[in-house]
Amino acid sequence: MLALTDTANDLAPFDNQEPAALECGLACLVKAYQANRCRLHAWQVVRCAEALSRHPAFEGGDEQRCVYGRLARQWRWLATAGGRGPAGEGVA
């Protein structure tokens, strides 16, 4: 069983990325999730969107930061309630 928590360490892989790289990575993570419906990919989308919404170098305005925050909340729901494993089975 994979344990996922909301600690600061969860954002560590995204902390050193530039906003453009995070946006590109976010698109790739969404595609990866669409391909296999894996909750781990959904959680990575959450972490990436959160990192974008909090990134000090992000040049988007407050509205765009809120968009990424809402995106993170939606994907958090998907990761906890709606995700499926690669074989279409629920992941605990």
Protein backbone atom coordinates (compact mmCIF):
# COMPACT_ATOMS: atom_id res chain seq x y z
CA MET A 1 0.00 0.00 0.00
CA LEU A 2 1.29 3.43 -0.93
CA ALA A 3 1.06 6.01 1.85
CA LEU A 4 0.75 9.61 0.72
CA THR A 5 0.89 12.51 3.13
CA ASP A 6 0.58 16.28 2.96
CA THR A 7 4.05 17.15 4.23
CA ALA A 8 6.45 19.76 2.92
CA ASN A 9 8.68 16.94 1.64
CA ASP A 10 5.96 15.96 -0.83
CA LEU A 11 6.65 19.16 -2.77
CA ALA A 12 10.43 18.66 -2.74
CA PRO A 13 10.71 17.30 -6.31
CA PHE A 14 8.94 20.40 -7.58
CA ASP A 15 10.65 23.03 -5.41
CA ASN A 16 13.67 23.55 -7.64
CA GLN A 17 11.76 23.77 -10.91
CA GLU A 18 11.05 26.91 -12.88
CA PRO A 19 7.37 27.73 -13.51
CA ALA A 20 7.64 26.91 -17.24
CA ALA A 21 9.06 23.48 -16.42
CA LEU A 22 6.30 22.92 -13.86
CA GLU A 23 3.62 23.83 -16.40
CA CYS A 24 5.12 21.43 -18.95
CA GLY A 25 5.43 18.73 -16.31
CA LEU A 26 1.83 19.28 -15.27
CA ALA A 27 0.65 18.63 -18.81
CA CYS A 28 2.73 15.44 -18.98
CA LEU A 29 1.37 14.23 -15.63
CA VAL A 30 -2.22 14.79 -16.74
CA LYS A 31 -1.54 12.77 -19.91
CA ALA A 32 0.08 10.02 -17.85
CA TYR A 33 -2.96 9.89 -15.58
CA GLN A 34 -5.30 9.73 -18.57
CA ALA A 35 -3.35 6.77 -19.93
CA ASN A 36 -3.55 4.60 -16.81
CA ARG A 37 -5.78 6.26 -14.17
CA CYS A 38 -3.11 5.74 -11.52
CA ARG A 39 -3.65 7.57 -8.23
CA LEU A 40 0.07 8.23 -7.91
CA HIS A 41 -0.07 10.31 -11.09
CA ALA A 42 -3.09 12.17 -9.72
CA TRP A 43 -1.16 12.97 -6.54
CA GLN A 44 1.77 14.21 -8.62
CA VAL A 45 -0.62 16.53 -10.48
CA VAL A 46 -1.75 17.84 -7.07
CA ARG A 47 1.82 18.49 -5.94
CA CYS A 48 2.81 20.14 -9.21
CA ALA A 49 -0.26 22.41 -9.26
CA GLU A 50 0.37 23.36 -5.62
CA ALA A 51 4.01 24.14 -6.41
CA LEU A 52 2.92 26.38 -9.30
CA SER A 53 0.36 28.21 -7.20
CA ARG A 54 3.01 28.98 -4.55
CA HIS A 55 6.06 29.53 -6.75
CA PRO A 56 7.66 32.94 -6.09
CA ALA A 57 8.82 33.31 -9.70
CA PHE A 58 5.43 32.50 -11.24
CA GLU A 59 4.46 35.53 -13.32
CA GLY A 60 0.74 34.83 -13.45
CA GLY A 61 -1.55 37.00 -11.43
CA ASP A 62 -3.55 36.10 -8.35
CA GLU A 63 -6.37 34.72 -10.50
CA GLN A 64 -4.02 32.28 -12.24
CA ARG A 65 -2.57 31.20 -8.88
CA CYS A 66 -6.12 30.52 -7.70
CA VAL A 67 -6.74 28.45 -10.84
CA TYR A 68 -3.80 26.21 -9.94
CA GLY A 69 -5.03 26.01 -6.34
CA ARG A 70 -8.49 24.91 -7.51
CA LEU A 71 -6.89 22.45 -9.92
CA ALA A 72 -4.91 20.95 -7.01
CA ARG A 73 -8.10 20.56 -4.95
CA GLN A 74 -9.95 18.88 -7.82
CA TRP A 75 -7.11 16.48 -8.48
CA ARG A 76 -6.79 15.76 -4.74
CA TRP A 77 -10.40 14.57 -4.84
CA LEU A 78 -9.64 12.47 -7.90
CA ALA A 79 -6.57 10.97 -6.20
CA THR A 80 -8.54 10.01 -3.10
CA ALA A 81 -11.95 9.11 -4.54
CA GLY A 82 -11.87 8.64 -8.27
CA GLY A 83 -8.53 7.11 -9.17
CA ARG A 84 -8.09 3.67 -10.67
CA GLY A 85 -5.05 1.45 -10.95
CA PRO A 86 -3.48 0.51 -14.29
CA ALA A 87 -5.68 -2.59 -14.59
CA GLY A 88 -8.86 -0.62 -13.87
CA GLU A 89 -8.96 -1.81 -10.29
CA GLY A 90 -9.38 0.50 -7.33
CA VAL A 91 -6.17 1.42 -5.52
CA ALA A 92 -6.24 1.44 -1.73
